[in-house]
Amino acid sequence: MSADIRTSRSMSLIGRSDSINVPPMATVGKVDICQVRIIKVCFLSNSSNLGKNFKLVRCEDGWTIKNVISTVLSSGCVGPGITHSLCYGLLLKHLKSS
């Protein structure tokens, strides 16, 4: 019975536009969505843990190889305190997933 009362109240309010303050609809502006790719950067290491010889790097549209290298070097995966970051390069290979 109480559900019927609530329903009738809400229905009576719908018909009366002067008693309901409905905020205007918000407009959504254009959002610039850039493509993001995640690449797997493998590197050689003296570590015995072979599972840690790679770094997943999130690359946004317009990134250069220099951006990818600096991201890997700043993460500390290659080693701490890299001072000559411009001396590093990448050997690019396409590896098929199994």
PDB file of N, CA and C in Angstrom:
ATOM      1  N   MET A   1       0.811  -1.191   0.000  1.00  0.00           N
ATOM      2  CA  MET A   1       0.000   0.000   0.000  1.00  0.00           C
ATOM      3  C   MET A   1       0.860   1.263   0.000  1.00  0.00           C
ATOM      4  N   SER A   2       1.971   1.249   0.756  1.00  0.00           N
ATOM      5  CA  SER A   2       2.820   2.436   0.797  1.00  0.00           C
ATOM      6  C   SER A   2       3.498   2.676  -0.546  1.00  0.00           C
ATOM      7  N   ALA A   3       3.748   1.618  -1.319  1.00  0.00           N
ATOM      8  CA  ALA A   3       4.344   1.795  -2.641  1.00  0.00           C
ATOM      9  C   ALA A   3       3.387   2.530  -3.563  1.00  0.00           C
ATOM     10  N   ASP A   4       2.094   2.305  -3.397  1.00  0.00           N
ATOM     11  CA  ASP A   4       1.112   2.988  -4.229  1.00  0.00           C
ATOM     12  C   ASP A   4       1.090   4.477  -3.930  1.00  0.00           C
ATOM     13  N   ILE A   5       1.278   4.842  -2.675  1.00  0.00           N
ATOM     14  CA  ILE A   5       1.265   6.257  -2.298  1.00  0.00           C
ATOM     15  C   ILE A   5       2.467   6.969  -2.910  1.00  0.00           C
ATOM     16  N   ARG A   6       3.666   6.318  -2.845  1.00  0.00           N
ATOM     17  CA  ARG A   6       4.859   6.940  -3.417  1.00  0.00           C
ATOM     18  C   ARG A   6       4.722   7.090  -4.930  1.00  0.00           C
ATOM     19  N   THR A   7       4.148   6.110  -5.556  1.00  0.00           N
ATOM     20  CA  THR A   7       3.968   6.182  -7.004  1.00  0.00           C
ATOM     21  C   THR A   7       3.024   7.303  -7.383  1.00  0.00           C
ATOM     22  N   SER A   8       1.943   7.438  -6.627  1.00  0.00           N
ATOM     23  CA  SER A   8       0.986   8.492  -6.967  1.00  0.00           C
ATOM     24  C   SER A   8       1.571   9.871  -6.703  1.00  0.00           C
ATOM     25  N   ARG A   9       2.432  10.000  -5.683  1.00  0.00           N
ATOM     26  CA  ARG A   9       3.080  11.285  -5.423  1.00  0.00           C
ATOM     27  C   ARG A   9       4.017  11.652  -6.565  1.00  0.00           C
ATOM     28  N   SER A  10       4.830  10.692  -7.001  1.00  0.00           N
ATOM     29  CA  SER A  10       5.780  11.011  -8.061  1.00  0.00           C
ATOM     30  C   SER A  10       5.055  11.303  -9.363  1.00  0.00           C
ATOM     31  N   MET A  11       3.940  10.639  -9.609  1.00  0.00           N
ATOM     32  CA  MET A  11       3.189  10.894 -10.832  1.00  0.00           C
ATOM     33  C   MET A  11       2.527  12.260 -10.786  1.00  0.00           C
ATOM     34  N   SER A  12       2.084  12.670  -9.588  1.00  0.00           N
ATOM     35  CA  SER A  12       1.446  13.976  -9.505  1.00  0.00           C
ATOM     36  C   SER A  12       2.465  15.096  -9.674  1.00  0.00           C
ATOM     37  N   LEU A  13       3.720  14.864  -9.292  1.00  0.00           N
ATOM     38  CA  LEU A  13       4.750  15.884  -9.457  1.00  0.00           C
ATOM     39  C   LEU A  13       5.191  16.013 -10.910  1.00  0.00           C
ATOM     40  N   ILE A  14       5.107  14.939 -11.652  1.00  0.00           N
ATOM     41  CA  ILE A  14       5.545  14.991 -13.042  1.00  0.00           C
ATOM     42  C   ILE A  14       4.664  15.927 -13.850  1.00  0.00           C
ATOM     43  N   GLY A  15       3.392  15.916 -13.581  1.00  0.00           N
ATOM     44  CA  GLY A  15       2.477  16.763 -14.332  1.00  0.00           C
ATOM     45  C   GLY A  15       2.608  18.231 -14.003  1.00  0.00           C
ATOM     46  N   ARG A  16       3.152  18.587 -12.861  1.00  0.00           N
ATOM     47  CA  ARG A  16       3.257  19.989 -12.443  1.00  0.00           C
ATOM     48  C   ARG A  16       4.666  20.490 -12.720  1.00  0.00           C
ATOM     49  N   SER A  17       4.831  21.249 -13.757  1.00  0.00           N
ATOM     50  CA  SER A  17       6.161  21.729 -14.126  1.00  0.00           C
ATOM     51  C   SER A  17       6.637  22.866 -13.228  1.00  0.00           C
ATOM     52  N   ASP A  18       5.717  23.566 -12.572  1.00  0.00           N
ATOM     53  CA  ASP A  18       6.133  24.688 -11.736  1.00  0.00           C
ATOM     54  C   ASP A  18       6.718  24.237 -10.403  1.00  0.00           C
ATOM     55  N   SER A  19       6.472  23.003  -9.970  1.00  0.00           N
ATOM     56  CA  SER A  19       6.968  22.561  -8.674  1.00  0.00           C
ATOM     57  C   SER A  19       8.296  21.823  -8.779  1.00  0.00           C
ATOM     58  N   ILE A  20       8.737  21.512  -9.980  1.00  0.00           N
ATOM     59  CA  ILE A  20       9.981  20.764 -10.144  1.00  0.00           C
ATOM     60  C   ILE A  20      11.033  21.679 -10.755  1.00  0.00           C
ATOM     61  N   ASN A  21      12.156  21.764 -10.089  1.00  0.00           N
ATOM     62  CA  ASN A  21      13.276  22.546 -10.613  1.00  0.00           C
ATOM     63  C   ASN A  21      14.253  21.593 -11.286  1.00  0.00           C
ATOM     64  N   VAL A  22      14.160  21.464 -12.576  1.00  0.00           N
ATOM     65  CA  VAL A  22      15.037  20.577 -13.322  1.00  0.00           C
ATOM     66  C   VAL A  22      16.191  21.400 -13.871  1.00  0.00           C
ATOM     67  N   PRO A  23      17.424  21.015 -13.537  1.00  0.00           N
ATOM     68  CA  PRO A  23      18.566  21.768 -14.060  1.00  0.00           C
ATOM     69  C   PRO A  23      18.680  21.552 -15.562  1.00  0.00           C
ATOM     70  N   PRO A  24      19.179  22.544 -16.273  1.00  0.00           N
ATOM     71  CA  PRO A  24      19.337  22.376 -17.722  1.00  0.00           C
ATOM     72  C   PRO A  24      20.341  21.276 -18.020  1.00  0.00           C
ATOM     73  N   MET A  25      20.180  20.660 -19.160  1.00  0.00           N
ATOM     74  CA  MET A  25      21.075  19.565 -19.530  1.00  0.00           C
ATOM     75  C   MET A  25      22.476  20.110 -19.769  1.00  0.00           C
ATOM     76  N   ALA A  26      23.441  19.392 -19.275  1.00  0.00           N
ATOM     77  CA  ALA A  26      24.833  19.800 -19.447  1.00  0.00           C
ATOM     78  C   ALA A  26      25.300  19.405 -20.839  1.00  0.00           C
ATOM     79  N   THR A  27      26.042  20.282 -21.447  1.00  0.00           N
ATOM     80  CA  THR A  27      26.594  19.954 -22.757  1.00  0.00           C
ATOM     81  C   THR A  27      28.009  19.432 -22.578  1.00  0.00           C
ATOM     82  N   VAL A  28      28.326  18.436 -23.334  1.00  0.00           N
ATOM     83  CA  VAL A  28      29.644  17.832 -23.247  1.00  0.00           C
ATOM     84  C   VAL A  28      30.488  18.395 -24.374  1.00  0.00           C
ATOM     85  N   GLY A  29      31.621  18.967 -23.999  1.00  0.00           N
ATOM     86  CA  GLY A  29      32.518  19.535 -25.000  1.00  0.00           C
ATOM     87  C   GLY A  29      33.312  18.451 -25.700  1.00  0.00           C
ATOM     88  N   LYS A  30      33.943  18.828 -26.769  1.00  0.00           N
ATOM     89  CA  LYS A  30      34.763  17.889 -27.525  1.00  0.00           C
ATOM     90  C   LYS A  30      36.013  17.558 -26.716  1.00  0.00           C
ATOM     91  N   VAL A  31      36.263  16.280 -26.556  1.00  0.00           N
ATOM     92  CA  VAL A  31      37.417  15.822 -25.803  1.00  0.00           C
ATOM     93  C   VAL A  31      38.435  15.281 -26.798  1.00  0.00           C
ATOM     94  N   ASP A  32      39.657  15.764 -26.682  1.00  0.00           N
ATOM     95  CA  ASP A  32      40.715  15.263 -27.551  1.00  0.00           C
ATOM     96  C   ASP A  32      41.193  13.919 -27.021  1.00  0.00           C
ATOM     97  N   ILE A  33      40.964  12.901 -27.804  1.00  0.00           N
ATOM     98  CA  ILE A  33      41.380  11.558 -27.421  1.00  0.00           C
ATOM     99  C   ILE A  33      42.538  11.171 -28.322  1.00  0.00           C
ATOM    100  N   CYS A  34      43.696  10.985 -27.710  1.00  0.00           N
ATOM    101  CA  CYS A  34      44.843  10.579 -28.500  1.00  0.00           C
ATOM    102  C   CYS A  34      45.022   9.072 -28.365  1.00  0.00           C
ATOM    103  N   GLN A  35      45.584   8.482 -29.392  1.00  0.00           N
ATOM    104  CA  GLN A  35      45.785   7.049 -29.365  1.00  0.00           C
ATOM    105  C   GLN A  35      46.953   6.724 -28.457  1.00  0.00           C
ATOM    106  N   VAL A  36      46.749   5.713 -27.627  1.00  0.00           N
ATOM    107  CA  VAL A  36      47.788   5.269 -26.712  1.00  0.00           C
ATOM    108  C   VAL A  36      48.118   3.825 -27.062  1.00  0.00           C
ATOM    109  N   ARG A  37      49.392   3.562 -27.207  1.00  0.00           N
ATOM    110  CA  ARG A  37      49.844   2.206 -27.478  1.00  0.00           C
ATOM    111  C   ARG A  37      50.780   1.794 -26.366  1.00  0.00           C
ATOM    112  N   ILE A  38      50.714   0.530 -26.027  1.00  0.00           N
ATOM    113  CA  ILE A  38      51.624  -0.016 -25.030  1.00  0.00           C
ATOM    114  C   ILE A  38      52.593  -0.929 -25.765  1.00  0.00           C
ATOM    115  N   ILE A  39      53.866  -0.609 -25.658  1.00  0.00           N
ATOM    116  CA  ILE A  39      54.873  -1.437 -26.314  1.00  0.00           C
ATOM    117  C   ILE A  39      55.736  -2.109 -25.257  1.00  0.00           C
ATOM    118  N   LYS A  40      56.239  -3.270 -25.605  1.00  0.00           N
ATOM    119  CA  LYS A  40      57.095  -4.029 -24.704  1.00  0.00           C
ATOM    120  C   LYS A  40      58.537  -3.804 -25.143  1.00  0.00           C
ATOM    121  N   VAL A  41      59.328  -3.206 -24.277  1.00  0.00           N
ATOM    122  CA  VAL A  41      60.729  -2.917 -24.571  1.00  0.00           C
ATOM    123  C   VAL A  41      61.570  -3.935 -23.817  1.00  0.00           C
ATOM    124  N   CYS A  42      62.224  -4.835 -24.566  1.00  0.00           N
ATOM    125  CA  CYS A  42      63.091  -5.849 -23.961  1.00  0.00           C
ATOM    126  C   CYS A  42      64.521  -5.323 -23.935  1.00  0.00           C
ATOM    127  N   PHE A  43      65.280  -5.715 -22.924  1.00  0.00           N
ATOM    128  CA  PHE A  43      66.664  -5.271 -22.830  1.00  0.00           C
ATOM    129  C   PHE A  43      67.509  -6.367 -22.219  1.00  0.00           C
ATOM    130  N   LEU A  44      68.812  -6.288 -22.457  1.00  0.00           N
ATOM    131  CA  LEU A  44      69.748  -7.252 -21.903  1.00  0.00           C
ATOM    132  C   LEU A  44      70.110  -6.834 -20.491  1.00  0.00           C
ATOM    133  N   SER A  45      70.249  -7.822 -19.641  1.00  0.00           N
ATOM    134  CA  SER A  45      70.558  -7.528 -18.254  1.00  0.00           C
ATOM    135  C   SER A  45      71.386  -8.667 -17.683  1.00  0.00           C
ATOM    136  N   ASN A  46      72.160  -8.364 -16.669  1.00  0.00           N
ATOM    137  CA  ASN A  46      72.933  -9.387 -15.970  1.00  0.00           C
ATOM    138  C   ASN A  46      72.125 -10.029 -14.857  1.00  0.00           C
ATOM    139  N   SER A  47      70.888  -9.653 -14.729  1.00  0.00           N
ATOM    140  CA  SER A  47      70.034 -10.170 -13.667  1.00  0.00           C
ATOM    141  C   SER A  47      69.699 -11.637 -13.922  1.00  0.00           C
ATOM    142  N   SER A  48      69.599 -12.402 -12.854  1.00  0.00           N
ATOM    143  CA  SER A  48      69.234 -13.813 -12.988  1.00  0.00           C
ATOM    144  C   SER A  48      67.731 -13.988 -13.189  1.00  0.00           C
ATOM    145  N   ASN A  49      66.978 -12.952 -12.920  1.00  0.00           N
ATOM    146  CA  ASN A  49      65.526 -13.010 -13.087  1.00  0.00           C
ATOM    147  C   ASN A  49      65.173 -12.618 -14.522  1.00  0.00           C
ATOM    148  N   LEU A  50      64.953 -13.621 -15.366  1.00  0.00           N
ATOM    149  CA  LEU A  50      64.702 -13.353 -16.782  1.00  0.00           C
ATOM    150  C   LEU A  50      63.346 -12.713 -17.022  1.00  0.00           C
ATOM    151  N   GLY A  51      62.433 -12.821 -16.095  1.00  0.00           N
ATOM    152  CA  GLY A  51      61.111 -12.234 -16.265  1.00  0.00           C
ATOM    153  C   GLY A  51      61.098 -10.726 -16.132  1.00  0.00           C
ATOM    154  N   LYS A  52      62.169 -10.139 -15.646  1.00  0.00           N
ATOM    155  CA  LYS A  52      62.235  -8.688 -15.439  1.00  0.00           C
ATOM    156  C   LYS A  52      63.061  -7.984 -16.509  1.00  0.00           C
ATOM    157  N   ASN A  53      63.284  -8.632 -17.634  1.00  0.00           N
ATOM    158  CA  ASN A  53      64.109  -8.040 -18.683  1.00  0.00           C
ATOM    159  C   ASN A  53      63.292  -7.273 -19.710  1.00  0.00           C
ATOM    160  N   PHE A  54      62.182  -6.723 -19.292  1.00  0.00           N
ATOM    161  CA  PHE A  54      61.385  -5.912 -20.204  1.00  0.00           C
ATOM    162  C   PHE A  54      60.665  -4.830 -19.420  1.00  0.00           C
ATOM    163  N   LYS A  55      60.222  -3.850 -20.149  1.00  0.00           N
ATOM    164  CA  LYS A  55      59.470  -2.741 -19.565  1.00  0.00           C
ATOM    165  C   LYS A  55      58.311  -2.437 -20.500  1.00  0.00           C
ATOM    166  N   LEU A  56      57.101  -2.373 -19.955  1.00  0.00           N
ATOM    167  CA  LEU A  56      55.944  -1.965 -20.739  1.00  0.00           C
ATOM    168  C   LEU A  56      55.874  -0.447 -20.714  1.00  0.00           C
ATOM    169  N   VAL A  57      55.867   0.158 -21.890  1.00  0.00           N
ATOM    170  CA  VAL A  57      55.888   1.613 -22.005  1.00  0.00           C
ATOM    171  C   VAL A  57      54.608   2.066 -22.683  1.00  0.00           C
ATOM    172  N   ARG A  58      53.919   2.981 -22.050  1.00  0.00           N
ATOM    173  CA  ARG A  58      52.698   3.561 -22.630  1.00  0.00           C
ATOM    174  C   ARG A  58      53.108   4.752 -23.489  1.00  0.00           C
ATOM    175  N   CYS A  59      52.875   4.621 -24.782  1.00  0.00           N
ATOM    176  CA  CYS A  59      53.265   5.657 -25.744  1.00  0.00           C
ATOM    177  C   CYS A  59      52.031   6.364 -26.262  1.00  0.00           C
ATOM    178  N   GLU A  60      52.046   7.662 -26.193  1.00  0.00           N
ATOM    179  CA  GLU A  60      50.957   8.452 -26.751  1.00  0.00           C
ATOM    180  C   GLU A  60      51.285   8.809 -28.192  1.00  0.00           C
ATOM    181  N   ASP A  61      50.295   9.274 -28.892  1.00  0.00           N
ATOM    182  CA  ASP A  61      50.459   9.644 -30.292  1.00  0.00           C
ATOM    183  C   ASP A  61      51.476  10.779 -30.401  1.00  0.00           C
ATOM    184  N   GLY A  62      52.438  10.634 -31.280  1.00  0.00           N
ATOM    185  CA  GLY A  62      53.439  11.669 -31.476  1.00  0.00           C
ATOM    186  C   GLY A  62      54.734  11.444 -30.721  1.00  0.00           C
ATOM    187  N   TRP A  63      54.844  10.351 -29.974  1.00  0.00           N
ATOM    188  CA  TRP A  63      56.081  10.075 -29.252  1.00  0.00           C
ATOM    189  C   TRP A  63      57.179   9.678 -30.224  1.00  0.00           C
ATOM    190  N   THR A  64      58.392  10.052 -29.894  1.00  0.00           N
ATOM    191  CA  THR A  64      59.549   9.663 -30.687  1.00  0.00           C
ATOM    192  C   THR A  64      60.287   8.539 -29.969  1.00  0.00           C
ATOM    193  N   ILE A  65      61.267   7.970 -30.663  1.00  0.00           N
ATOM    194  CA  ILE A  65      62.091   6.921 -30.056  1.00  0.00           C
ATOM    195  C   ILE A  65      62.819   7.474 -28.834  1.00  0.00           C
ATOM    196  N   LYS A  66      63.217   8.730 -28.902  1.00  0.00           N
ATOM    197  CA  LYS A  66      63.913   9.371 -27.782  1.00  0.00           C
ATOM    198  C   LYS A  66      63.025   9.397 -26.532  1.00  0.00           C
ATOM    199  N   ASN A  67      61.715   9.630 -26.702  1.00  0.00           N
ATOM    200  CA  ASN A  67      60.789   9.611 -25.571  1.00  0.00           C
ATOM    201  C   ASN A  67      60.700   8.223 -24.943  1.00  0.00           C
ATOM    202  N   VAL A  68      60.668   7.195 -25.782  1.00  0.00           N
ATOM    203  CA  VAL A  68      60.583   5.820 -25.277  1.00  0.00           C
ATOM    204  C   VAL A  68      61.847   5.464 -24.513  1.00  0.00           C
ATOM    205  N   ILE A  69      63.005   5.817 -25.063  1.00  0.00           N
ATOM    206  CA  ILE A  69      64.275   5.518 -24.396  1.00  0.00           C
ATOM    207  C   ILE A  69      64.360   6.235 -23.055  1.00  0.00           C
ATOM    208  N   SER A  70      63.989   7.493 -23.009  1.00  0.00           N
ATOM    209  CA  SER A  70      64.068   8.231 -21.739  1.00  0.00           C
ATOM    210  C   SER A  70      63.093   7.673 -20.709  1.00  0.00           C
ATOM    211  N   THR A  71      61.945   7.168 -21.149  1.00  0.00           N
ATOM    212  CA  THR A  71      60.999   6.553 -20.212  1.00  0.00           C
ATOM    213  C   THR A  71      61.578   5.284 -19.606  1.00  0.00           C
ATOM    214  N   VAL A  72      62.210   4.457 -20.434  1.00  0.00           N
ATOM    215  CA  VAL A  72      62.817   3.217 -19.936  1.00  0.00           C
ATOM    216  C   VAL A  72      63.975   3.532 -19.002  1.00  0.00           C
ATOM    217  N   LEU A  73      64.821   4.489 -19.374  1.00  0.00           N
ATOM    218  CA  LEU A  73      65.979   4.821 -18.538  1.00  0.00           C
ATOM    219  C   LEU A  73      65.569   5.465 -17.222  1.00  0.00           C
ATOM    220  N   SER A  74      64.539   6.288 -17.240  1.00  0.00           N
ATOM    221  CA  SER A  74      64.113   6.945 -15.998  1.00  0.00           C
ATOM    222  C   SER A  74      63.393   5.988 -15.059  1.00  0.00           C
ATOM    223  N   SER A  75      62.924   4.854 -15.567  1.00  0.00           N
ATOM    224  CA  SER A  75      62.229   3.897 -14.700  1.00  0.00           C
ATOM    225  C   SER A  75      63.195   3.120 -13.818  1.00  0.00           C
ATOM    226  N   GLY A  76      64.475   3.084 -14.178  1.00  0.00           N
ATOM    227  CA  GLY A  76      65.454   2.369 -13.372  1.00  0.00           C
ATOM    228  C   GLY A  76      65.592   0.905 -13.736  1.00  0.00           C
ATOM    229  N   CYS A  77      64.948   0.461 -14.794  1.00  0.00           N
ATOM    230  CA  CYS A  77      65.037  -0.948 -15.199  1.00  0.00           C
ATOM    231  C   CYS A  77      66.428  -1.313 -15.690  1.00  0.00           C
ATOM    232  N   VAL A  78      67.079  -0.407 -16.381  1.00  0.00           N
ATOM    233  CA  VAL A  78      68.404  -0.688 -16.922  1.00  0.00           C
ATOM    234  C   VAL A  78      69.454  -0.535 -15.832  1.00  0.00           C
ATOM    235  N   GLY A  79      69.292   0.422 -14.979  1.00  0.00           N
ATOM    236  CA  GLY A  79      70.219   0.644 -13.884  1.00  0.00           C
ATOM    237  C   GLY A  79      69.985   2.008 -13.278  1.00  0.00           C
ATOM    238  N   PRO A  80      70.503   2.217 -12.079  1.00  0.00           N
ATOM    239  CA  PRO A  80      70.300   3.515 -11.427  1.00  0.00           C
ATOM    240  C   PRO A  80      71.308   4.548 -11.919  1.00  0.00           C
ATOM    241  N   GLY A  81      70.900   5.777 -11.919  1.00  0.00           N
ATOM    242  CA  GLY A  81      71.810   6.886 -12.192  1.00  0.00           C
ATOM    243  C   GLY A  81      72.386   6.904 -13.595  1.00  0.00           C
ATOM    244  N   ILE A  82      71.562   6.752 -14.607  1.00  0.00           N
ATOM    245  CA  ILE A  82      72.036   6.840 -15.993  1.00  0.00           C
ATOM    246  C   ILE A  82      72.350   8.309 -16.285  1.00  0.00           C
ATOM    247  N   THR A  83      73.613   8.595 -16.619  1.00  0.00           N
ATOM    248  CA  THR A  83      73.993   9.990 -16.844  1.00  0.00           C
ATOM    249  C   THR A  83      74.041  10.358 -18.323  1.00  0.00           C
ATOM    250  N   HIS A  84      74.376   9.429 -19.191  1.00  0.00           N
ATOM    251  CA  HIS A  84      74.498   9.720 -20.621  1.00  0.00           C
ATOM    252  C   HIS A  84      73.350   9.050 -21.369  1.00  0.00           C
ATOM    253  N   SER A  85      72.168   9.588 -21.216  1.00  0.00           N
ATOM    254  CA  SER A  85      70.983   8.952 -21.803  1.00  0.00           C
ATOM    255  C   SER A  85      70.968   9.039 -23.322  1.00  0.00           C
ATOM    256  N   LEU A  86      71.685  10.004 -23.901  1.00  0.00           N
ATOM    257  CA  LEU A  86      71.714  10.122 -25.359  1.00  0.00           C
ATOM    258  C   LEU A  86      72.571   9.043 -26.020  1.00  0.00           C
ATOM    259  N   CYS A  87      73.317   8.273 -25.222  1.00  0.00           N
ATOM    260  CA  CYS A  87      74.153   7.202 -25.768  1.00  0.00           C
ATOM    261  C   CYS A  87      73.377   5.902 -25.956  1.00  0.00           C
ATOM    262  N   TYR A  88      72.130   5.866 -25.581  1.00  0.00           N
ATOM    263  CA  TYR A  88      71.325   4.654 -25.686  1.00  0.00           C
ATOM    264  C   TYR A  88      70.469   4.695 -26.942  1.00  0.00           C
ATOM    265  N   GLY A  89      70.207   3.514 -27.489  1.00  0.00           N
ATOM    266  CA  GLY A  89      69.363   3.391 -28.667  1.00  0.00           C
ATOM    267  C   GLY A  89      68.493   2.156 -28.545  1.00  0.00           C
ATOM    268  N   LEU A  90      67.646   1.956 -29.519  1.00  0.00           N
ATOM    269  CA  LEU A  90      66.764   0.796 -29.543  1.00  0.00           C
ATOM    270  C   LEU A  90      66.995   0.000 -30.811  1.00  0.00           C
ATOM    271  N   LEU A  91      66.982  -1.306 -30.682  1.00  0.00           N
ATOM    272  CA  LEU A  91      66.956  -2.196 -31.828  1.00  0.00           C
ATOM    273  C   LEU A  91      65.510  -2.638 -31.970  1.00  0.00           C
ATOM    274  N   LEU A  92      64.871  -2.218 -33.033  1.00  0.00           N
ATOM    275  CA  LEU A  92      63.448  -2.487 -33.201  1.00  0.00           C
ATOM    276  C   LEU A  92      63.235  -3.823 -33.891  1.00  0.00           C
ATOM    277  N   LYS A  93      62.388  -4.654 -33.297  1.00  0.00           N
ATOM    278  CA  LYS A  93      62.017  -5.943 -33.861  1.00  0.00           C
ATOM    279  C   LYS A  93      60.522  -6.105 -33.716  1.00  0.00           C
ATOM    280  N   HIS A  94      59.941  -6.807 -34.646  1.00  0.00           N
ATOM    281  CA  HIS A  94      58.527  -7.145 -34.522  1.00  0.00           C
ATOM    282  C   HIS A  94      58.457  -8.586 -34.049  1.00  0.00           C
ATOM    283  N   LEU A  95      57.942  -8.788 -32.861  1.00  0.00           N
ATOM    284  CA  LEU A  95      57.820 -10.127 -32.298  1.00  0.00           C
ATOM    285  C   LEU A  95      56.369 -10.548 -32.359  1.00  0.00           C
ATOM    286  N   LYS A  96      56.139 -11.704 -32.929  1.00  0.00           N
ATOM    287  CA  LYS A  96      54.768 -12.211 -32.997  1.00  0.00           C
ATOM    288  C   LYS A  96      54.398 -12.834 -31.666  1.00  0.00           C
ATOM    289  N   SER A  97      53.183 -12.607 -31.250  1.00  0.00           N
ATOM    290  CA  SER A  97      52.679 -13.248 -30.040  1.00  0.00           C
ATOM    291  C   SER A  97      52.276 -14.674 -30.382  1.00  0.00           C
ATOM    292  N   SER A  98      52.477 -15.567 -29.441  1.00  0.00           N
ATOM    293  CA  SER A  98      52.069 -16.954 -29.695  1.00  0.00           C
ATOM    294  C   SER A  98      50.626 -17.177 -29.325  1.00  0.00           C
TER     295      SER A  98
END
